[in-house]
Amino acid sequence: MAQSLGNNARTPEPVETNKSIRKQADFSTLQVFQEMESYRSVTELMGIHNPFFQQIEGRAGPTVSIDGRDYINFSSYDYLGLNGLNEVAEAAKQAIDQYGTSVSASRPTAGNRLIHRELEAKLADLYQADDALVFVSGHSTNVSTIGDLLGPKDLVLYDALSHNSIIVGTKLSGATRKSFLHNDLADLENHLQKSRHQYERVLIVVEGLYSMDGDISDLSGLIDIKSRFGAWLMVDEAHSLGVLGARGQGIFEQAGVDPRQVDIWMGTLSKTLCGCGGYIAGNRVLIEILKYQASGFMYSVGMPAPVAAASMRALELMQQLPERVKRLHSNGKLFLKTARQAGLDTGNSQGFSVVPVIIGDSLRTVKICNLLMDKGIFTIPVTYPAVPMQQARIRFFITSEHSAEKIIYTIEALAALLKELEDQSFGLSEMLGE
């Protein structure tokens, strides 16, 4: 019997649990962990090393230091090489002196800082929009904007190769969600013709530049479709700001269209703009709604002032240094041309800042990344399920600061490794079910 403890309190009776129930509380029983362990065992057996979570020493630019050795770096998004400039670092340092390292609470709670509104004004100016709003996370920018703007009576149509954050946002919204074939406007229009009348509001979501494939959207065609069907158009500029257009202003400059024809501009601050977080630019009503309804803004801490300051200075420099954009375009074209001449499969890449080399087998892809490191080249593989089966690839992120010599050396090294390994079977299909 339980012993009386006063105030009629009793010690809880022991709960009898059998072994199978207790085992369910063990994280190692989760299927995802078991799959990870299976993959790890196979790679260890084959002498393939885990290429992820490398310990980077210092700043990652066109070269990077890992364990005391310098590598040519194709794994960072610093497309215009602004992250290493003194002007960007000084802006962040001055913001620390003025505001500290954290704003300590959400902006509705702790209040705006002037640096937030200055950054948002410059982003709004870029898109000729009424206003903009910055979020502390790029992923949650998409999730909470889509998730909190749409509802069960609405429809979200997104490109089949859309980023995870877009898909998660559509699920959160409760709206009907459908993907259309990648960059296939005829398929998008077919969806709208069949079902537009069934929904109150429709959101079309695309990316400016697709980070897995390196191709871009047909913005003019999308604007035409969204106008005819009374839909909203949202464009994710995470990888296209600083990259597309003669001045790096993004896909609207590349396409030669008025940015005010797009309803929702989304982007991130972590690539060209050397910071962290995301933004939405659009009309006054949209931004006002998000300020009070977007969960990723309302219930997250405000962006640290030094991050906002660094991103604002990087945006200014992007606009002041079009020669860096020109250099990036030249490097991207050189990489793509050289890769194709070497017989490498670059898929649909258009040679801007992202060029994939499609290998196929996941283990072969990881092995080649290991061997590239032996040759002083740092790259990261993208394998199933991040891409479809037998579509594993190495993504190369090109910047304005890569030299032509290092680009050519990298392609030659990769082509030689592929030829060397072309007759070797890695047996991933049999071992892991790919």
Protein backbone atom coordinates (compact mmCIF):
# COMPACT_ATOMS: atom_id res chain seq x y z
CA MET A 1 0.00 0.00 0.00
CA ALA A 2 1.05 3.53 -0.65
CA GLN A 3 2.27 5.39 2.45
CA SER A 4 0.42 8.55 3.46
CA LEU A 5 2.49 11.72 2.87
CA GLY A 6 0.16 14.30 4.36
CA ASN A 7 -2.51 16.40 2.66
CA ASN A 8 -3.91 13.07 1.43
CA ALA A 9 -1.02 12.82 -1.06
CA ARG A 10 0.04 9.35 -2.09
CA THR A 11 3.09 8.04 -3.83
CA PRO A 12 2.21 6.98 -7.35
CA GLU A 13 1.62 3.33 -7.92
CA PRO A 14 4.32 1.75 -10.13
CA VAL A 15 3.27 1.41 -13.75
CA GLU A 16 3.89 -2.03 -15.12
CA THR A 17 5.25 -1.92 -18.65
CA ASN A 18 6.36 -4.85 -20.71
CA LYS A 19 9.61 -4.95 -22.65
CA SER A 20 8.01 -4.18 -26.02
CA ILE A 21 6.43 -0.97 -24.69
CA ARG A 22 9.68 0.15 -23.06
CA LYS A 23 11.49 -0.51 -26.32
CA GLN A 24 9.18 1.91 -28.11
CA ALA A 25 10.63 4.70 -25.97
CA ASP A 26 14.11 4.00 -27.40
CA PHE A 27 15.02 6.44 -30.21
CA SER A 28 17.16 3.77 -31.83
CA THR A 29 13.99 1.81 -32.73
CA LEU A 30 12.87 4.58 -35.09
CA GLN A 31 12.96 3.45 -38.70
CA VAL A 32 14.83 6.56 -39.81
CA PHE A 33 17.68 5.77 -37.42
CA GLN A 34 17.82 2.14 -38.52
CA GLU A 35 18.06 3.26 -42.14
CA MET A 36 20.86 5.66 -41.22
CA GLU A 37 22.74 2.88 -39.45
CA SER A 38 22.28 0.54 -42.42
CA TYR A 39 23.68 3.16 -44.76
CA ARG A 40 26.60 3.86 -42.40
CA SER A 41 27.46 0.16 -42.17
CA VAL A 42 27.53 -0.19 -45.95
CA THR A 43 29.72 2.86 -46.44
CA GLU A 44 32.15 1.78 -43.71
CA LEU A 45 32.39 -1.67 -45.29
CA MET A 46 33.31 -0.06 -48.60
CA GLY A 47 35.80 2.39 -47.09
CA ILE A 48 33.64 5.42 -47.91
CA HIS A 49 33.87 8.27 -45.40
CA ASN A 50 31.00 10.47 -44.28
CA PRO A 51 31.44 13.75 -46.23
CA PHE A 52 29.04 15.76 -44.07
CA PHE A 53 29.69 18.01 -41.06
CA GLN A 54 33.27 18.73 -41.98
CA GLN A 55 35.05 20.92 -39.42
CA ILE A 56 35.63 24.20 -41.25
CA GLU A 57 38.42 26.44 -39.98
CA GLY A 58 37.90 30.15 -40.53
CA ARG A 59 35.90 31.76 -43.31
CA ALA A 60 34.65 29.69 -46.21
CA GLY A 61 35.38 31.47 -49.49
CA PRO A 62 36.57 30.15 -52.86
CA THR A 63 38.94 28.08 -50.74
CA VAL A 64 38.34 26.58 -47.33
CA SER A 65 40.57 25.09 -44.63
CA ILE A 66 39.69 21.68 -43.17
CA ASP A 67 42.02 19.96 -40.68
CA GLY A 68 44.83 22.30 -41.63
CA ARG A 69 44.59 21.72 -45.38
CA ASP A 70 43.24 24.16 -47.96
CA TYR A 71 40.65 22.98 -50.47
CA ILE A 72 38.95 24.53 -53.48
CA ASN A 73 35.48 25.16 -52.11
CA PHE A 74 32.32 24.53 -54.13
CA SER A 75 30.01 24.01 -51.14
CA SER A 76 29.17 27.56 -50.01
CA TYR A 77 26.52 30.03 -51.15
CA ASP A 78 28.65 33.17 -50.95
CA TYR A 79 27.89 33.85 -54.61
CA LEU A 80 29.43 37.32 -54.85
CA GLY A 81 32.20 36.79 -52.30
CA LEU A 82 30.86 39.56 -50.07
CA ASN A 83 31.12 37.59 -46.83
CA GLY A 84 34.84 38.31 -46.54
CA LEU A 85 34.72 42.05 -47.17
CA ASN A 86 35.74 44.39 -44.35
CA GLU A 87 32.76 46.66 -45.04
CA VAL A 88 30.33 43.84 -44.17
CA ALA A 89 32.21 42.85 -41.02
CA GLU A 90 32.47 46.47 -39.87
CA ALA A 91 28.73 46.98 -40.28
CA ALA A 92 28.09 43.98 -38.02
CA LYS A 93 30.61 45.18 -35.44
CA GLN A 94 29.07 48.64 -35.27
CA ALA A 95 25.64 47.09 -34.81
CA ILE A 96 26.93 45.05 -31.87
CA ASP A 97 28.24 48.23 -30.24
CA GLN A 98 24.89 49.95 -30.74
CA TYR A 99 22.37 47.13 -30.20
CA GLY A 100 24.21 44.18 -28.65
CA THR A 101 24.24 40.66 -30.05
CA SER A 102 20.55 39.87 -29.52
CA VAL A 103 17.24 41.76 -29.46
CA SER A 104 16.19 39.25 -26.78
CA ALA A 105 12.54 38.77 -27.76
CA SER A 106 10.14 38.92 -30.67
CA ARG A 107 9.76 42.28 -32.37
CA PRO A 108 6.09 42.66 -31.38
CA THR A 109 7.19 42.14 -27.77
CA ALA A 110 10.60 43.83 -27.60
CA GLY A 111 9.96 46.48 -30.23
CA ASN A 112 11.60 47.18 -33.56
CA ARG A 113 15.18 48.24 -33.91
CA LEU A 114 15.94 50.91 -36.49
CA ILE A 115 18.28 48.49 -38.27
CA HIS A 116 15.35 46.12 -38.95
CA ARG A 117 13.29 48.79 -40.64
CA GLU A 118 16.26 50.09 -42.63
CA LEU A 119 16.94 46.62 -44.02
CA GLU A 120 13.26 46.07 -44.79
CA ALA A 121 13.06 49.41 -46.59
CA LYS A 122 16.00 48.51 -48.82
CA LEU A 123 14.51 45.10 -49.63
CA ALA A 124 11.17 46.73 -50.46
CA ASP A 125 12.95 49.23 -52.73
CA LEU A 126 14.66 46.38 -54.56
CA TYR A 127 11.29 44.92 -55.56
CA GLN A 128 9.52 48.30 -55.88
CA ALA A 129 7.20 46.97 -53.18
CA ASP A 130 5.28 48.80 -50.45
CA ASP A 131 7.11 47.08 -47.63
CA ALA A 132 9.07 44.02 -46.53
CA LEU A 133 9.43 41.89 -43.41
CA VAL A 134 12.51 39.98 -42.26
CA PHE A 135 12.32 36.66 -40.42
CA VAL A 136 15.00 35.08 -38.26
CA SER A 137 14.88 31.82 -40.30
CA GLY A 138 14.72 31.37 -44.05
CA HIS A 139 12.94 28.03 -43.73
CA SER A 140 10.26 29.44 -41.43
CA THR A 141 9.76 32.39 -43.78
CA ASN A 142 8.21 30.05 -46.33
CA VAL A 143 6.57 27.78 -43.77
CA SER A 144 4.76 30.50 -41.85
CA THR A 145 3.96 32.75 -44.83
CA ILE A 146 2.29 29.96 -46.79
CA GLY A 147 1.01 28.13 -43.71
CA ASP A 148 -0.64 31.16 -42.14
CA LEU A 149 -1.86 32.93 -45.29
CA LEU A 150 -3.84 30.04 -46.84
CA GLY A 151 -6.62 27.87 -45.43
CA PRO A 152 -8.80 24.81 -46.10
CA LYS A 153 -10.83 26.53 -48.80
CA ASP A 154 -7.72 27.38 -50.81
CA LEU A 155 -5.33 25.70 -53.26
CA VAL A 156 -1.54 25.77 -53.41
CA LEU A 157 0.14 24.80 -56.69
CA TYR A 158 3.89 24.39 -56.37
CA ASP A 159 6.66 23.30 -58.70
CA ALA A 160 7.56 19.62 -58.27
CA LEU A 161 11.16 20.56 -57.37
CA SER A 162 10.20 23.10 -54.73
CA HIS A 163 12.22 23.42 -51.53
CA ASN A 164 11.15 21.51 -48.42
CA SER A 165 10.07 24.74 -46.70
CA ILE A 166 7.48 25.38 -49.42
CA ILE A 167 6.03 21.89 -49.11
CA VAL A 168 5.93 22.05 -45.30
CA GLY A 169 4.17 25.42 -45.51
CA THR A 170 1.49 24.03 -47.81
CA LYS A 171 0.86 21.14 -45.42
CA LEU A 172 0.58 23.48 -42.45
CA SER A 173 -1.93 25.70 -44.25
CA GLY A 174 -4.56 22.98 -44.56
CA ALA A 175 -5.11 24.05 -48.16
CA THR A 176 -5.39 21.54 -50.97
CA ARG A 177 -1.91 21.10 -52.37
CA LYS A 178 -0.84 19.92 -55.79
CA SER A 179 2.51 19.92 -57.54
CA PHE A 180 2.92 20.60 -61.22
CA LEU A 181 5.69 19.21 -63.40
CA HIS A 182 8.96 21.07 -63.01
CA ASN A 183 8.97 24.29 -65.04
CA ASP A 184 6.02 22.98 -67.07
CA LEU A 185 3.60 25.87 -67.47
CA ALA A 186 1.24 23.81 -69.61
CA ASP A 187 0.81 21.38 -66.71
CA LEU A 188 0.28 24.29 -64.30
CA GLU A 189 -2.39 25.77 -66.56
CA ASN A 190 -4.06 22.38 -66.91
CA HIS A 191 -4.40 22.15 -63.12
CA LEU A 192 -5.95 25.60 -62.99
CA GLN A 193 -8.38 24.95 -65.82
CA LYS A 194 -9.63 21.83 -64.07
CA SER A 195 -9.92 23.08 -60.52
CA ARG A 196 -9.59 26.87 -60.12
CA HIS A 197 -13.36 27.25 -59.69
CA GLN A 198 -13.37 24.89 -56.69
CA TYR A 199 -11.31 27.16 -54.44
CA GLU A 200 -11.52 30.65 -52.99
CA ARG A 201 -7.85 31.57 -53.35
CA VAL A 202 -5.00 29.98 -55.28
CA LEU A 203 -1.30 30.42 -54.61
CA ILE A 204 1.31 29.45 -57.22
CA VAL A 205 4.78 28.96 -55.73
CA VAL A 206 8.02 28.69 -57.70
CA GLU A 207 11.70 29.34 -57.20
CA GLY A 208 13.72 31.86 -59.16
CA LEU A 209 16.72 29.54 -59.49
CA TYR A 210 16.42 25.89 -58.45
CA SER A 211 19.24 24.87 -56.17
CA MET A 212 19.25 21.18 -57.10
CA ASP A 213 19.19 21.62 -60.87
CA GLY A 214 20.49 25.12 -61.58
CA ASP A 215 17.68 26.12 -63.96
CA ILE A 216 15.32 29.10 -63.68
CA SER A 217 11.58 29.76 -63.92
CA ASP A 218 9.75 31.39 -66.81
CA LEU A 219 8.61 34.44 -64.86
CA SER A 220 6.81 36.16 -67.74
CA GLY A 221 4.79 33.02 -68.45
CA LEU A 222 3.93 32.58 -64.78
CA ILE A 223 2.71 36.16 -64.48
CA ASP A 224 0.48 35.67 -67.51
CA ILE A 225 -1.05 32.51 -66.04
CA LYS A 226 -1.60 33.88 -62.55
CA SER A 227 -3.26 36.99 -64.00
CA ARG A 228 -5.65 35.02 -66.20
CA PHE A 229 -6.70 32.69 -63.40
CA GLY A 230 -6.86 35.20 -60.56
CA ALA A 231 -4.13 33.57 -58.49
CA TRP A 232 -1.33 34.85 -56.29
CA LEU A 233 2.24 34.25 -57.46
CA MET A 234 5.01 33.70 -54.90
CA VAL A 235 8.64 33.56 -56.04
CA ASP A 236 11.38 32.16 -53.81
CA GLU A 237 14.58 34.08 -54.59
CA ALA A 238 16.84 32.24 -52.14
CA HIS A 239 19.37 31.33 -54.84
CA SER A 240 18.59 33.94 -57.48
CA LEU A 241 19.21 37.21 -55.61
CA GLY A 242 22.70 38.39 -56.48
CA VAL A 243 22.88 35.84 -59.28
CA LEU A 244 20.29 36.60 -61.96
CA GLY A 245 20.20 39.81 -63.96
CA ALA A 246 23.04 42.13 -64.93
CA ARG A 247 23.05 43.76 -61.48
CA GLY A 248 22.09 40.63 -59.54
CA GLN A 249 18.64 41.96 -58.69
CA GLY A 250 17.08 38.58 -59.34
CA ILE A 251 14.74 36.89 -61.72
CA PHE A 252 12.59 39.95 -62.44
CA GLU A 253 15.69 41.70 -63.82
CA GLN A 254 16.69 38.57 -65.73
CA ALA A 255 13.21 38.32 -67.27
CA GLY A 256 12.81 42.05 -67.82
CA VAL A 257 9.48 42.29 -66.00
CA ASP A 258 8.00 44.73 -63.50
CA PRO A 259 8.55 43.18 -60.02
CA ARG A 260 5.22 44.63 -58.88
CA GLN A 261 3.49 41.99 -61.00
CA VAL A 262 4.58 39.33 -58.50
CA ASP A 263 2.39 39.18 -55.39
CA ILE A 264 4.86 37.71 -52.90
CA TRP A 265 8.63 37.95 -53.13
CA MET A 266 10.51 35.67 -50.77
CA GLY A 267 14.25 35.43 -50.30
CA THR A 268 16.96 34.52 -47.84
CA LEU A 269 19.77 36.55 -46.34
CA SER A 270 22.19 33.65 -45.98
CA LYS A 271 23.51 33.41 -49.55
CA THR A 272 24.52 36.56 -51.40
CA LEU A 273 23.61 38.76 -48.43
CA CYS A 274 26.02 37.16 -45.92
CA GLY A 275 23.56 36.88 -43.05
CA CYS A 276 20.87 34.53 -41.83
CA GLY A 277 17.10 34.47 -42.08
CA GLY A 278 14.57 35.33 -44.75
CA TYR A 279 12.31 38.08 -46.02
CA ILE A 280 8.97 38.72 -47.68
CA ALA A 281 8.37 41.77 -49.87
CA GLY A 282 4.98 42.80 -51.22
CA ASN A 283 2.11 45.21 -50.79
CA ARG A 284 1.23 46.96 -47.53
CA VAL A 285 -1.73 44.69 -46.71
CA LEU A 286 0.31 41.48 -47.12
CA ILE A 287 3.09 42.73 -44.83
CA GLU A 288 0.62 43.99 -42.24
CA ILE A 289 -1.06 40.57 -42.13
CA LEU A 290 2.27 38.76 -41.72
CA LYS A 291 3.43 41.12 -38.96
CA TYR A 292 0.50 39.99 -36.80
CA GLN A 293 -0.29 36.50 -38.12
CA ALA A 294 2.90 34.78 -39.35
CA SER A 295 3.86 32.39 -36.55
CA GLY A 296 7.52 32.28 -37.63
CA PHE A 297 7.68 36.04 -37.08
CA MET A 298 5.33 36.55 -34.14
CA TYR A 299 6.72 33.76 -31.99
CA SER A 300 10.42 33.93 -32.89
CA VAL A 301 13.07 36.27 -31.58
CA GLY A 302 13.78 39.28 -33.76
CA MET A 303 16.73 39.11 -36.12
CA PRO A 304 20.01 39.94 -34.31
CA ALA A 305 21.07 43.46 -35.19
CA PRO A 306 24.57 42.50 -36.41
CA VAL A 307 23.01 40.02 -38.85
CA ALA A 308 20.61 42.66 -40.16
CA ALA A 309 23.43 45.19 -40.49
CA ALA A 310 25.69 42.76 -42.35
CA SER A 311 22.92 41.82 -44.77
CA MET A 312 21.99 45.45 -45.40
CA ARG A 313 25.61 46.36 -46.18
CA ALA A 314 25.93 43.30 -48.45
CA LEU A 315 22.78 44.38 -50.32
CA GLU A 316 24.26 47.83 -50.83
CA LEU A 317 27.53 46.35 -52.09
CA MET A 318 25.72 44.00 -54.45
CA GLN A 319 24.10 47.02 -56.07
CA GLN A 320 27.38 48.97 -56.14
CA LEU A 321 29.57 46.17 -57.56
CA PRO A 322 27.96 44.82 -60.74
CA GLU A 323 31.39 43.62 -61.87
CA ARG A 324 31.11 40.82 -59.30
CA VAL A 325 27.83 39.70 -60.85
CA LYS A 326 29.47 39.78 -64.29
CA ARG A 327 32.38 37.69 -62.97
CA LEU A 328 29.96 35.20 -61.45
CA HIS A 329 28.15 34.83 -64.78
CA SER A 330 31.45 34.29 -66.55
CA ASN A 331 32.53 31.63 -64.05
CA GLY A 332 29.19 29.84 -64.23
CA LYS A 333 29.30 29.71 -68.03
CA LEU A 334 32.90 28.47 -67.96
CA PHE A 335 32.06 25.71 -65.48
CA LEU A 336 29.02 24.54 -67.45
CA LYS A 337 30.79 24.66 -70.83
CA THR A 338 33.89 22.84 -69.56
CA ALA A 339 31.79 20.19 -67.78
CA ARG A 340 29.73 19.46 -70.87
CA GLN A 341 32.80 19.33 -73.07
CA ALA A 342 34.20 16.73 -70.66
CA GLY A 343 31.05 14.64 -71.14
CA LEU A 344 29.63 15.28 -67.65
CA ASP A 345 25.87 15.16 -67.11
CA THR A 346 24.87 18.63 -65.90
CA GLY A 347 21.13 18.07 -66.29
CA ASN A 348 19.10 21.21 -66.95
CA SER A 349 21.56 23.67 -65.42
CA GLN A 350 21.72 27.03 -67.16
CA GLY A 351 25.15 27.82 -65.79
CA PHE A 352 24.49 30.61 -63.32
CA SER A 353 25.62 29.79 -59.78
CA VAL A 354 24.53 26.16 -59.45
CA VAL A 355 25.76 23.34 -61.67
CA PRO A 356 25.00 19.73 -60.68
CA VAL A 357 26.98 16.82 -62.05
CA ILE A 358 24.61 13.86 -62.02
CA ILE A 359 26.34 10.59 -61.13
CA GLY A 360 23.36 8.30 -60.56
CA ASP A 361 24.31 5.79 -57.87
CA SER A 362 24.37 7.32 -54.37
CA LEU A 363 27.38 5.44 -53.02
CA ARG A 364 29.40 6.13 -56.16
CA THR A 365 28.59 9.82 -55.72
CA VAL A 366 29.76 9.84 -52.09
CA LYS A 367 32.91 7.92 -53.04
CA ILE A 368 33.75 10.47 -55.73
CA CYS A 369 33.36 13.30 -53.23
CA ASN A 370 35.85 11.47 -50.96
CA LEU A 371 38.30 11.18 -53.85
CA LEU A 372 37.83 14.83 -54.84
CA MET A 373 38.87 15.78 -51.32
CA ASP A 374 42.05 13.77 -51.81
CA LYS A 375 42.70 16.06 -54.77
CA GLY A 376 42.05 19.21 -52.75
CA ILE A 377 38.44 19.83 -53.84
CA PHE A 378 35.62 20.17 -51.30
CA THR A 379 32.16 19.24 -52.57
CA ILE A 380 29.08 17.69 -50.99
CA PRO A 381 26.94 14.90 -52.53
CA VAL A 382 23.16 15.02 -52.83
CA THR A 383 21.70 11.53 -52.63
CA TYR A 384 18.36 9.73 -52.43
CA PRO A 385 15.87 10.63 -50.95
CA ALA A 386 16.84 14.32 -51.40
CA VAL A 387 16.76 13.60 -55.14
CA PRO A 388 15.02 10.76 -57.04
CA MET A 389 16.53 7.29 -57.17
CA GLN A 390 19.52 7.02 -59.49
CA GLN A 391 19.71 10.82 -59.69
CA ALA A 392 22.41 11.33 -57.04
CA ARG A 393 24.65 14.25 -57.88
CA ILE A 394 27.42 16.53 -56.80
CA ARG A 395 26.29 20.15 -56.64
CA PHE A 396 28.84 22.81 -57.44
CA PHE A 397 28.11 26.29 -56.12
CA ILE A 398 30.08 28.74 -58.21
CA THR A 399 31.04 32.21 -57.00
CA SER A 400 32.50 35.35 -58.51
CA GLU A 401 35.74 34.60 -56.66
CA HIS A 402 36.60 31.22 -58.17
CA SER A 403 39.47 31.38 -60.63
CA ALA A 404 39.24 29.94 -64.13
CA GLU A 405 42.24 27.74 -63.39
CA LYS A 406 40.59 26.14 -60.36
CA ILE A 407 37.35 25.59 -62.25
CA ILE A 408 39.15 23.81 -65.08
CA TYR A 409 41.29 21.79 -62.65
CA THR A 410 38.14 20.65 -60.82
CA ILE A 411 36.36 19.52 -63.99
CA GLU A 412 39.43 17.64 -65.21
CA ALA A 413 39.82 15.90 -61.84
CA LEU A 414 36.15 14.92 -61.72
CA ALA A 415 36.09 13.64 -65.30
CA ALA A 416 39.18 11.51 -64.62
CA LEU A 417 37.64 10.02 -61.46
CA LEU A 418 34.40 9.17 -63.25
CA LYS A 419 36.33 7.38 -65.98
CA GLU A 420 38.40 5.53 -63.39
CA LEU A 421 35.31 4.33 -61.52
CA GLU A 422 32.97 3.73 -64.45
CA ASP A 423 33.41 -0.04 -64.39
CA GLN A 424 33.11 -0.41 -60.62
CA SER A 425 29.75 -1.54 -59.25
CA PHE A 426 28.87 -0.10 -55.86
CA GLY A 427 25.78 -2.29 -55.53
CA LEU A 428 23.69 0.30 -53.73
CA SER A 429 20.52 -0.85 -55.44
CA GLU A 430 20.88 -4.33 -54.01
CA MET A 431 22.09 -3.30 -50.56
CA LEU A 432 19.80 -0.40 -49.74
CA GLY A 433 16.90 -0.85 -52.08
CA GLU A 434 17.56 2.14 -54.31
